[in-house]
N, C-alpha and C. Protein backbone atom coordinates (compact mmCIF):
# COMPACT_ATOMS: atom_id res chain seq x y z
N MET A 1 144.94 85.43 105.85
CA MET A 1 143.68 84.92 106.36
C MET A 1 142.64 84.99 105.23
N PRO A 2 141.91 83.91 105.02
CA PRO A 2 140.87 83.93 103.98
C PRO A 2 139.81 85.00 104.28
N LYS A 3 139.27 85.59 103.24
CA LYS A 3 138.30 86.68 103.39
C LYS A 3 137.10 86.27 104.24
N PHE A 4 136.62 85.03 104.10
CA PHE A 4 135.42 84.62 104.83
C PHE A 4 135.65 84.52 106.33
N ARG A 5 136.92 84.51 106.77
CA ARG A 5 137.21 84.43 108.21
C ARG A 5 137.50 85.79 108.84
N ARG A 6 137.60 86.82 108.04
CA ARG A 6 137.95 88.13 108.59
C ARG A 6 136.89 88.59 109.59
N GLY A 7 137.38 88.92 110.75
CA GLY A 7 136.48 89.39 111.80
C GLY A 7 135.82 88.28 112.59
N TYR A 8 136.08 87.03 112.22
CA TYR A 8 135.45 85.91 112.92
C TYR A 8 136.46 85.09 113.72
N LEU A 9 137.66 85.59 113.91
CA LEU A 9 138.64 84.91 114.76
C LEU A 9 138.76 85.73 116.03
N TRP A 10 138.43 85.11 117.16
CA TRP A 10 138.41 85.83 118.42
C TRP A 10 139.45 85.26 119.37
N SER A 11 139.99 86.13 120.18
CA SER A 11 140.96 85.67 121.17
C SER A 11 140.24 85.42 122.49
N SER A 12 140.95 84.84 123.42
CA SER A 12 140.35 84.58 124.73
C SER A 12 140.72 85.69 125.70
N SER A 13 140.82 86.91 125.19
CA SER A 13 141.19 88.03 126.06
C SER A 13 140.09 88.27 127.08
N THR A 14 140.45 88.90 128.15
CA THR A 14 139.49 89.18 129.22
C THR A 14 138.82 90.53 129.03
N GLN A 15 139.01 91.12 127.86
CA GLN A 15 138.41 92.42 127.59
C GLN A 15 136.90 92.33 127.76
N ASN A 16 136.33 93.30 128.46
CA ASN A 16 134.89 93.33 128.70
C ASN A 16 134.22 93.99 127.50
N ASN A 17 133.58 93.20 126.67
CA ASN A 17 132.89 93.72 125.50
C ASN A 17 131.41 93.82 125.80
N ILE A 18 130.87 94.99 125.58
CA ILE A 18 129.45 95.22 125.81
C ILE A 18 128.77 95.28 124.45
N SER A 19 127.64 94.66 124.36
CA SER A 19 126.86 94.63 123.13
C SER A 19 126.59 96.05 122.63
N PRO A 20 126.89 96.35 121.35
CA PRO A 20 126.55 97.66 120.80
C PRO A 20 125.04 97.94 120.88
N ALA A 21 124.23 96.90 120.73
CA ALA A 21 122.78 97.10 120.83
C ALA A 21 122.40 97.51 122.25
N ALA A 22 123.04 96.91 123.26
CA ALA A 22 122.77 97.29 124.65
C ALA A 22 123.22 98.72 124.91
N LEU A 23 124.39 99.09 124.39
CA LEU A 23 124.87 100.46 124.56
C LEU A 23 123.94 101.47 123.90
N TYR A 24 123.37 101.09 122.77
CA TYR A 24 122.45 101.98 122.05
C TYR A 24 121.25 102.34 122.92
N THR A 25 120.78 101.42 123.76
CA THR A 25 119.60 101.70 124.58
C THR A 25 119.84 102.84 125.56
N GLU A 26 121.09 103.15 125.85
CA GLU A 26 121.39 104.23 126.79
C GLU A 26 121.13 105.61 126.20
N SER A 27 121.12 105.71 124.88
CA SER A 27 120.89 107.00 124.23
C SER A 27 119.72 106.97 123.25
N ALA A 28 119.08 105.84 123.08
CA ALA A 28 118.00 105.71 122.10
C ALA A 28 116.80 106.58 122.49
N PRO A 29 116.15 107.17 121.50
CA PRO A 29 114.92 107.91 121.81
C PRO A 29 113.81 106.92 122.17
N PRO A 30 112.80 107.37 122.91
CA PRO A 30 111.69 106.48 123.22
C PRO A 30 111.02 105.98 121.94
N LEU A 31 110.51 104.77 121.99
CA LEU A 31 109.76 104.24 120.85
C LEU A 31 108.47 105.03 120.70
N PRO A 32 107.98 105.18 119.48
CA PRO A 32 106.81 106.04 119.27
C PRO A 32 105.51 105.42 119.76
N SER A 33 104.59 106.30 120.07
CA SER A 33 103.21 105.91 120.36
C SER A 33 102.38 106.23 119.13
N PRO A 34 101.17 105.69 119.03
CA PRO A 34 100.33 106.06 117.90
C PRO A 34 100.09 107.57 117.88
N PRO A 35 100.01 108.17 116.70
CA PRO A 35 99.74 109.61 116.61
C PRO A 35 98.38 109.96 117.21
N ALA A 36 98.29 111.15 117.80
CA ALA A 36 97.05 111.59 118.45
C ALA A 36 95.87 111.57 117.49
N HIS A 37 96.10 111.90 116.21
CA HIS A 37 94.97 111.94 115.28
C HIS A 37 94.38 110.54 115.06
N LEU A 38 95.15 109.49 115.31
CA LEU A 38 94.59 108.13 115.22
C LEU A 38 93.95 107.71 116.53
N ILE A 39 94.58 108.07 117.64
CA ILE A 39 94.02 107.71 118.95
C ILE A 39 92.65 108.35 119.13
N ASN A 40 92.48 109.55 118.61
CA ASN A 40 91.22 110.28 118.77
C ASN A 40 90.25 110.09 117.62
N ASP A 41 90.59 109.28 116.65
CA ASP A 41 89.73 109.06 115.48
C ASP A 41 88.59 108.11 115.87
N PRO A 42 87.33 108.56 115.80
CA PRO A 42 86.22 107.69 116.22
C PRO A 42 86.07 106.43 115.36
N VAL A 43 86.44 106.50 114.08
CA VAL A 43 86.35 105.32 113.22
C VAL A 43 87.37 104.28 113.66
N MET A 44 88.59 104.72 113.94
CA MET A 44 89.62 103.79 114.42
C MET A 44 89.24 103.22 115.78
N GLN A 45 88.70 104.06 116.65
CA GLN A 45 88.29 103.60 117.97
C GLN A 45 87.18 102.54 117.85
N ALA A 46 86.27 102.73 116.91
CA ALA A 46 85.20 101.74 116.70
C ALA A 46 85.79 100.41 116.23
N SER A 47 86.77 100.46 115.34
CA SER A 47 87.43 99.23 114.87
C SER A 47 88.14 98.53 116.03
N LEU A 48 88.85 99.29 116.85
CA LEU A 48 89.55 98.70 118.00
C LEU A 48 88.57 98.08 118.99
N ARG A 49 87.46 98.77 119.26
CA ARG A 49 86.46 98.20 120.19
C ARG A 49 85.88 96.91 119.63
N ALA A 50 85.60 96.90 118.33
CA ALA A 50 85.01 95.71 117.71
C ALA A 50 85.95 94.52 117.75
N MET A 51 87.25 94.76 117.75
CA MET A 51 88.24 93.68 117.70
C MET A 51 88.92 93.40 119.04
N LYS A 52 88.50 94.08 120.10
CA LYS A 52 89.24 93.98 121.37
C LYS A 52 89.33 92.56 121.92
N ASP A 53 88.37 91.72 121.63
CA ASP A 53 88.42 90.34 122.13
C ASP A 53 89.08 89.38 121.14
N HIS A 54 89.50 89.89 120.00
CA HIS A 54 90.02 89.01 118.95
C HIS A 54 91.50 89.20 118.66
N ILE A 55 92.05 90.31 119.09
CA ILE A 55 93.47 90.56 118.84
C ILE A 55 94.16 90.70 120.18
N LYS A 56 95.13 89.85 120.42
CA LYS A 56 95.81 89.85 121.71
C LYS A 56 97.26 90.32 121.55
N VAL A 57 97.77 90.86 122.62
CA VAL A 57 99.17 91.26 122.69
C VAL A 57 99.78 90.46 123.82
N GLU A 58 100.68 89.55 123.48
CA GLU A 58 101.31 88.70 124.49
C GLU A 58 102.80 88.65 124.24
N THR A 59 103.51 88.37 125.29
CA THR A 59 104.95 88.19 125.19
C THR A 59 105.33 86.99 126.04
N PRO A 60 106.38 86.25 125.69
CA PRO A 60 106.70 85.00 126.39
C PRO A 60 107.43 85.18 127.72
N PHE A 61 107.59 86.40 128.19
CA PHE A 61 108.27 86.57 129.47
C PHE A 61 107.50 87.53 130.36
N ASN A 62 107.87 87.58 131.62
CA ASN A 62 107.19 88.39 132.62
C ASN A 62 107.62 89.85 132.46
N VAL A 63 106.73 90.67 131.93
CA VAL A 63 107.06 92.07 131.65
C VAL A 63 107.30 92.84 132.95
N ASP A 64 106.50 92.57 133.98
CA ASP A 64 106.70 93.28 135.25
C ASP A 64 108.08 92.98 135.83
N ARG A 65 108.50 91.73 135.77
CA ARG A 65 109.82 91.36 136.28
C ARG A 65 110.92 92.01 135.44
N PHE A 66 110.75 92.01 134.14
CA PHE A 66 111.71 92.66 133.24
C PHE A 66 111.83 94.15 133.57
N GLU A 67 110.69 94.78 133.80
CA GLU A 67 110.69 96.20 134.14
C GLU A 67 111.43 96.44 135.46
N ASN A 68 111.23 95.56 136.43
CA ASN A 68 111.95 95.68 137.71
C ASN A 68 113.46 95.55 137.52
N LEU A 69 113.88 94.69 136.61
CA LEU A 69 115.31 94.53 136.34
C LEU A 69 115.93 95.78 135.71
N LEU A 70 115.09 96.57 135.05
CA LEU A 70 115.58 97.76 134.35
C LEU A 70 115.36 99.06 135.13
N VAL A 71 115.03 98.95 136.40
CA VAL A 71 114.72 100.14 137.20
C VAL A 71 115.89 101.12 137.27
N ASP A 72 117.11 100.64 137.18
CA ASP A 72 118.29 101.51 137.24
C ASP A 72 118.86 101.84 135.86
N HIS A 73 118.17 101.47 134.81
CA HIS A 73 118.66 101.76 133.46
C HIS A 73 118.76 103.28 133.29
N PRO A 74 119.83 103.78 132.68
CA PRO A 74 120.00 105.24 132.58
C PRO A 74 119.05 105.94 131.62
N ASN A 75 118.31 105.23 130.80
CA ASN A 75 117.42 105.85 129.83
C ASN A 75 115.99 105.39 130.11
N GLN A 76 115.39 105.92 131.17
CA GLN A 76 114.05 105.49 131.56
C GLN A 76 112.97 105.82 130.54
N PRO A 77 113.02 106.95 129.82
CA PRO A 77 111.99 107.17 128.79
C PRO A 77 111.97 106.04 127.75
N PHE A 78 113.13 105.57 127.34
CA PHE A 78 113.20 104.45 126.40
C PHE A 78 112.64 103.18 127.04
N VAL A 79 113.04 102.90 128.28
CA VAL A 79 112.55 101.71 128.99
C VAL A 79 111.03 101.74 129.09
N HIS A 80 110.46 102.88 129.49
CA HIS A 80 109.00 102.97 129.62
C HIS A 80 108.31 102.75 128.27
N SER A 81 108.89 103.26 127.20
CA SER A 81 108.27 103.05 125.88
C SER A 81 108.32 101.58 125.48
N VAL A 82 109.39 100.89 125.82
CA VAL A 82 109.49 99.46 125.52
C VAL A 82 108.47 98.67 126.35
N MET A 83 108.34 99.01 127.63
CA MET A 83 107.38 98.30 128.48
C MET A 83 105.95 98.52 127.98
N THR A 84 105.65 99.73 127.56
CA THR A 84 104.32 100.00 126.98
C THR A 84 104.11 99.14 125.74
N GLY A 85 105.12 99.05 124.90
CA GLY A 85 105.01 98.22 123.70
C GLY A 85 104.80 96.76 124.03
N LEU A 86 105.51 96.25 125.04
CA LEU A 86 105.35 94.84 125.42
C LEU A 86 103.96 94.56 125.99
N ARG A 87 103.37 95.56 126.62
CA ARG A 87 102.04 95.36 127.21
C ARG A 87 100.91 95.64 126.22
N GLU A 88 101.07 96.64 125.37
CA GLU A 88 99.98 97.09 124.52
C GLU A 88 100.21 96.85 123.04
N GLY A 89 101.42 96.50 122.67
CA GLY A 89 101.78 96.35 121.27
C GLY A 89 102.64 97.53 120.83
N PHE A 90 103.51 97.28 119.87
CA PHE A 90 104.42 98.31 119.39
C PHE A 90 103.83 99.03 118.20
N TRP A 91 104.00 100.33 118.16
CA TRP A 91 103.56 101.13 117.03
C TRP A 91 104.67 101.12 115.98
N PRO A 92 104.35 100.87 114.73
CA PRO A 92 105.40 100.69 113.71
C PRO A 92 105.92 101.98 113.08
N PHE A 93 105.94 103.09 113.81
CA PHE A 93 106.45 104.36 113.30
C PHE A 93 105.60 104.92 112.16
N HIS A 94 104.44 104.38 111.92
CA HIS A 94 103.62 104.76 110.78
C HIS A 94 102.78 105.99 111.11
N ALA A 95 102.62 106.88 110.15
CA ALA A 95 101.84 108.09 110.36
C ALA A 95 100.34 107.83 110.32
N GLY A 96 99.93 106.66 109.87
CA GLY A 96 98.52 106.31 109.87
C GLY A 96 97.76 106.72 108.64
N GLU A 97 98.44 107.22 107.65
CA GLU A 97 97.79 107.60 106.41
C GLU A 97 98.09 106.54 105.36
N TYR A 98 97.05 106.00 104.76
CA TYR A 98 97.23 104.96 103.75
C TYR A 98 96.73 105.46 102.41
N LYS A 99 97.56 105.32 101.40
CA LYS A 99 97.09 105.53 100.04
C LYS A 99 96.33 104.25 99.69
N ASP A 100 95.57 104.22 98.70
CA ASP A 100 94.88 102.98 98.27
C ASP A 100 94.26 102.25 99.45
N GLU A 101 93.30 102.86 100.08
CA GLU A 101 92.70 102.35 101.32
C GLU A 101 92.38 100.86 101.31
N LEU A 102 91.76 100.38 100.28
CA LEU A 102 91.35 98.98 100.29
C LEU A 102 92.11 98.12 99.29
N GLN A 103 93.05 98.70 98.60
CA GLN A 103 93.75 97.96 97.56
C GLN A 103 95.07 97.42 98.08
N VAL A 104 95.30 96.14 97.89
CA VAL A 104 96.58 95.53 98.24
C VAL A 104 97.44 95.55 97.00
N LYS A 105 98.65 96.08 97.15
CA LYS A 105 99.57 96.12 96.02
C LYS A 105 100.08 94.73 95.73
N GLY A 106 100.28 94.46 94.48
CA GLY A 106 100.83 93.15 94.13
C GLY A 106 99.76 92.08 94.20
N GLU A 107 100.01 91.03 93.54
CA GLU A 107 99.07 89.91 93.53
C GLU A 107 99.82 88.65 93.93
N ASN A 108 100.37 88.63 95.11
CA ASN A 108 101.17 87.48 95.50
C ASN A 108 100.43 86.56 96.46
N PHE A 109 99.12 86.53 96.37
CA PHE A 109 98.35 85.60 97.19
C PHE A 109 98.62 84.19 96.69
N ALA A 110 98.82 83.29 97.62
CA ALA A 110 99.08 81.90 97.24
C ALA A 110 97.82 81.30 96.62
N THR A 111 97.98 80.53 95.56
CA THR A 111 96.85 79.85 94.93
C THR A 111 97.12 78.37 94.71
N ASP A 112 98.38 77.97 94.71
CA ASP A 112 98.73 76.57 94.51
C ASP A 112 98.23 75.75 95.70
N PRO A 113 97.57 74.61 95.45
CA PRO A 113 97.05 73.81 96.57
C PRO A 113 98.12 73.41 97.60
N ALA A 114 99.32 73.08 97.15
CA ALA A 114 100.38 72.71 98.11
C ALA A 114 100.78 73.92 98.96
N ASP A 115 100.83 75.10 98.33
CA ASP A 115 101.16 76.31 99.08
C ASP A 115 100.08 76.64 100.10
N LEU A 116 98.82 76.53 99.67
CA LEU A 116 97.72 76.80 100.59
C LEU A 116 97.72 75.84 101.76
N ALA A 117 98.00 74.58 101.51
CA ALA A 117 98.07 73.59 102.59
C ALA A 117 99.20 73.93 103.55
N ALA A 118 100.34 74.38 103.02
CA ALA A 118 101.47 74.75 103.88
C ALA A 118 101.13 75.97 104.73
N ILE A 119 100.45 76.94 104.14
CA ILE A 119 100.07 78.14 104.89
C ILE A 119 99.07 77.78 105.98
N ARG A 120 98.10 76.94 105.65
CA ARG A 120 97.11 76.53 106.67
C ARG A 120 97.77 75.75 107.81
N ALA A 121 98.71 74.88 107.49
CA ALA A 121 99.42 74.12 108.53
C ALA A 121 100.23 75.07 109.41
N TYR A 122 100.86 76.05 108.79
CA TYR A 122 101.64 77.04 109.54
C TYR A 122 100.71 77.85 110.45
N ARG A 123 99.58 78.28 109.91
CA ARG A 123 98.59 79.03 110.70
C ARG A 123 98.13 78.22 111.89
N ASP A 124 97.77 76.96 111.65
CA ASP A 124 97.27 76.11 112.74
C ASP A 124 98.33 75.91 113.83
N LYS A 125 99.57 75.75 113.40
CA LYS A 125 100.66 75.59 114.38
C LYS A 125 100.83 76.85 115.21
N GLU A 126 100.83 78.01 114.58
CA GLU A 126 101.01 79.27 115.30
C GLU A 126 99.85 79.54 116.25
N ILE A 127 98.63 79.23 115.84
CA ILE A 127 97.47 79.42 116.72
C ILE A 127 97.53 78.44 117.89
N SER A 128 97.95 77.19 117.63
CA SER A 128 97.98 76.18 118.69
C SER A 128 98.96 76.52 119.81
N VAL A 129 100.01 77.26 119.50
CA VAL A 129 100.98 77.65 120.54
C VAL A 129 100.78 79.11 120.95
N ALA A 130 99.63 79.66 120.60
CA ALA A 130 99.22 81.01 121.01
C ALA A 130 100.15 82.12 120.51
N HIS A 131 100.76 81.91 119.34
CA HIS A 131 101.57 82.97 118.75
C HIS A 131 100.72 83.90 117.90
N TRP A 132 99.59 83.44 117.46
CA TRP A 132 98.69 84.26 116.66
C TRP A 132 97.35 84.37 117.37
N SER A 133 96.65 85.45 117.08
CA SER A 133 95.27 85.58 117.53
C SER A 133 94.42 84.61 116.72
N GLY A 134 93.27 84.28 117.24
CA GLY A 134 92.36 83.39 116.53
C GLY A 134 91.70 84.10 115.36
N PRO A 135 90.80 83.42 114.68
CA PRO A 135 90.13 84.02 113.52
C PRO A 135 89.27 85.21 113.93
N LEU A 136 89.19 86.18 113.03
CA LEU A 136 88.35 87.34 113.27
C LEU A 136 86.90 86.99 113.00
N PRO A 137 85.96 87.72 113.61
CA PRO A 137 84.55 87.35 113.50
C PRO A 137 83.91 87.67 112.16
N ASP A 138 84.59 88.42 111.32
CA ASP A 138 83.99 88.85 110.07
C ASP A 138 85.00 88.65 108.95
N THR A 139 84.50 88.47 107.75
CA THR A 139 85.41 88.30 106.62
C THR A 139 85.88 89.63 106.05
N GLU A 140 85.21 90.71 106.40
CA GLU A 140 85.60 92.03 105.90
C GLU A 140 86.51 92.72 106.90
N LEU A 141 87.53 93.39 106.39
CA LEU A 141 88.41 94.17 107.26
C LEU A 141 87.70 95.45 107.66
N LEU A 142 87.88 95.85 108.89
CA LEU A 142 87.31 97.10 109.38
C LEU A 142 88.25 98.24 109.00
N PRO A 143 87.76 99.48 109.04
CA PRO A 143 88.64 100.62 108.72
C PRO A 143 89.90 100.60 109.58
N GLY A 144 91.04 100.84 108.93
CA GLY A 144 92.32 100.86 109.63
C GLY A 144 93.02 99.52 109.66
N MET A 145 92.33 98.44 109.31
CA MET A 145 92.95 97.12 109.32
C MET A 145 93.62 96.87 107.96
N ARG A 146 94.70 96.12 107.98
CA ARG A 146 95.42 95.78 106.76
C ARG A 146 95.67 94.29 106.71
N LYS A 147 95.76 93.77 105.53
CA LYS A 147 96.15 92.36 105.37
C LYS A 147 97.49 92.31 104.66
N SER A 148 98.28 91.37 105.07
CA SER A 148 99.59 91.16 104.44
C SER A 148 99.56 89.81 103.75
N PRO A 149 99.69 89.79 102.44
CA PRO A 149 99.67 88.51 101.72
C PRO A 149 100.79 87.58 102.19
N MET A 150 100.51 86.29 102.08
CA MET A 150 101.50 85.27 102.44
C MET A 150 101.75 84.40 101.22
N PHE A 151 102.98 83.93 101.11
CA PHE A 151 103.31 83.00 100.05
C PHE A 151 104.31 82.00 100.59
N VAL A 152 104.64 81.01 99.80
CA VAL A 152 105.51 79.93 100.25
C VAL A 152 106.73 79.83 99.34
N VAL A 153 107.88 79.69 99.96
CA VAL A 153 109.11 79.38 99.25
C VAL A 153 109.49 77.97 99.66
N TRP A 154 109.68 77.10 98.69
CA TRP A 154 110.02 75.70 98.98
C TRP A 154 111.53 75.54 98.95
N GLN A 155 112.08 74.99 100.02
CA GLN A 155 113.51 74.72 100.09
C GLN A 155 113.70 73.27 100.50
N LYS A 156 114.29 72.50 99.61
CA LYS A 156 114.51 71.06 99.84
C LYS A 156 113.21 70.38 100.26
N GLU A 157 112.15 70.67 99.51
CA GLU A 157 110.82 70.09 99.70
C GLU A 157 110.19 70.46 101.04
N LYS A 158 110.71 71.48 101.69
CA LYS A 158 110.14 71.96 102.94
C LYS A 158 109.61 73.37 102.71
N PRO A 159 108.35 73.63 103.12
CA PRO A 159 107.79 74.96 102.88
C PRO A 159 108.30 75.99 103.89
N ARG A 160 108.56 77.17 103.39
CA ARG A 160 108.89 78.30 104.25
C ARG A 160 107.86 79.37 103.96
N VAL A 161 107.01 79.66 104.94
CA VAL A 161 105.93 80.62 104.76
C VAL A 161 106.48 82.04 104.96
N ILE A 162 106.19 82.90 104.01
CA ILE A 162 106.68 84.28 104.02
C ILE A 162 105.49 85.22 104.08
N THR A 163 105.54 86.19 104.98
CA THR A 163 104.54 87.25 105.03
C THR A 163 105.09 88.46 104.31
N ASP A 164 104.36 88.94 103.33
CA ASP A 164 104.80 90.07 102.52
C ASP A 164 104.28 91.36 103.14
N HIS A 165 105.03 91.93 104.06
CA HIS A 165 104.61 93.15 104.75
C HIS A 165 104.59 94.36 103.81
N LYS A 166 105.37 94.31 102.76
CA LYS A 166 105.43 95.44 101.84
C LYS A 166 104.12 95.63 101.09
N SER A 167 103.47 94.54 100.72
CA SER A 167 102.25 94.65 99.92
C SER A 167 101.07 95.24 100.68
N SER A 168 101.11 95.21 102.01
CA SER A 168 100.00 95.77 102.78
C SER A 168 99.99 97.28 102.73
N GLY A 169 101.11 97.90 102.36
CA GLY A 169 101.21 99.35 102.37
C GLY A 169 101.64 99.90 103.71
N LEU A 170 101.70 99.06 104.74
CA LEU A 170 102.06 99.53 106.07
C LEU A 170 103.46 100.14 106.09
N ASN A 171 104.40 99.51 105.41
CA ASN A 171 105.77 100.01 105.42
C ASN A 171 105.93 101.32 104.65
N ASP A 172 104.99 101.63 103.75
CA ASP A 172 105.10 102.85 102.96
C ASP A 172 105.06 104.12 103.81
N GLY A 173 104.39 104.06 104.95
CA GLY A 173 104.25 105.25 105.79
C GLY A 173 105.29 105.37 106.87
N ILE A 174 106.31 104.54 106.84
CA ILE A 174 107.36 104.60 107.86
C ILE A 174 108.52 105.42 107.30
N PRO A 175 108.79 106.58 107.88
CA PRO A 175 109.92 107.38 107.40
C PRO A 175 111.23 106.60 107.58
N LYS A 176 112.05 106.58 106.55
CA LYS A 176 113.29 105.80 106.61
C LYS A 176 114.19 106.23 107.77
N ALA A 177 114.19 107.51 108.10
CA ALA A 177 115.04 107.99 109.20
C ALA A 177 114.54 107.49 110.56
N GLU A 178 113.26 107.14 110.65
CA GLU A 178 112.68 106.70 111.92
C GLU A 178 112.83 105.20 112.15
N GLY A 179 112.83 104.43 111.10
CA GLY A 179 112.77 102.98 111.23
C GLY A 179 114.12 102.31 111.25
N HIS A 180 114.99 102.69 112.17
CA HIS A 180 116.29 102.04 112.25
C HIS A 180 116.52 101.47 113.65
N VAL A 181 117.25 100.40 113.71
CA VAL A 181 117.57 99.73 114.97
C VAL A 181 119.01 99.28 114.88
N ARG A 182 119.71 99.31 115.98
CA ARG A 182 121.09 98.79 116.00
C ARG A 182 121.04 97.37 116.54
N TYR A 183 121.23 96.40 115.68
CA TYR A 183 121.27 95.00 116.08
C TYR A 183 122.72 94.58 116.30
N ASP A 184 122.91 93.61 117.16
CA ASP A 184 124.23 92.98 117.26
C ASP A 184 124.36 92.02 116.08
N ASP A 185 125.58 91.84 115.61
CA ASP A 185 125.82 90.87 114.55
C ASP A 185 126.73 89.77 115.08
N MET A 186 127.14 88.87 114.23
CA MET A 186 127.98 87.75 114.67
C MET A 186 129.34 88.22 115.18
N HIS A 187 129.85 89.33 114.64
CA HIS A 187 131.11 89.87 115.16
C HIS A 187 130.94 90.28 116.62
N ASP A 188 129.86 91.00 116.92
CA ASP A 188 129.59 91.43 118.29
C ASP A 188 129.40 90.23 119.21
N PHE A 189 128.66 89.24 118.72
CA PHE A 189 128.41 88.03 119.52
C PHE A 189 129.72 87.32 119.85
N GLY A 190 130.57 87.18 118.86
CA GLY A 190 131.85 86.51 119.08
C GLY A 190 132.73 87.26 120.07
N GLN A 191 132.73 88.59 119.99
CA GLN A 191 133.52 89.39 120.93
C GLN A 191 132.99 89.25 122.35
N ALA A 192 131.68 89.10 122.49
CA ALA A 192 131.08 88.97 123.82
C ALA A 192 131.37 87.62 124.45
N LEU A 193 131.68 86.61 123.62
CA LEU A 193 131.98 85.29 124.16
C LEU A 193 133.28 85.36 124.92
């Protein structure tokens, strides 16, 4: 069998294969909440109050119905943490401490006119379908806010907009042991078919 086909040939057996990602939810620890020192920080609270009408948390499905479907799930602490994340936003495992408070690492801001036009078109599309919040009321970031530079990779004359999450410094505060997830891959998908 050629190497590229290894693991991708499936039989029509009636074996009941359960997604490894679904099985993981039965033992997964609850997703984290923001640390108490950030929740109680008056500067952070002022930033959140100032932006409360400008940053939205939405999901494309009915969270209450989803929660009802999971009422018998064996790991309710995990389920409750996911429902909180879907309603209020997910905390990225970050401790909330930033080195270089106002400095963005790297200089990968787009400057090419074609790249800027592609980023603006992408932004407008995402806002029009309510995937992004609208513009913020001020040009200055408030304490605790971060910006992630965007750039464009052109593939066959089509722009692909990339958000550089690493340059914001947000990922620097995520402990590697905390930031792991078990995803299903194509092998798992094929077995489930």
